[in-house]
Amino acid sequence: MMEKQKETLTFLGCFLMFPLLFIASFIVWGAVIQGNRLWSLLTDALSIIGISYILTSMMFGFMMRKRARNG
């Protein structure tokens, strides 16, 4: 049971918390501190999050495959 909770928290952290925190901090830093345009910031942030999702999905796929093999 504890392993399932750990897996769920890792999933939520990688796919929900990190992207939301990243986008919020990226926009605050770019718009408020540097004064960049919001549309430019959003496209940059979403591109980075897209690449992050691909890499994280591959990592999770390998973890699930390893877990299924081990039992």
Foldseek 3Di string as FASTA:
>chain_A
DVVVVVVVVVVCCQLPVVLVVQLVVQQCCCCVVVNDDNVVSVVVSVVVVVVSVVVVVVVVVVVVVVVVVVD
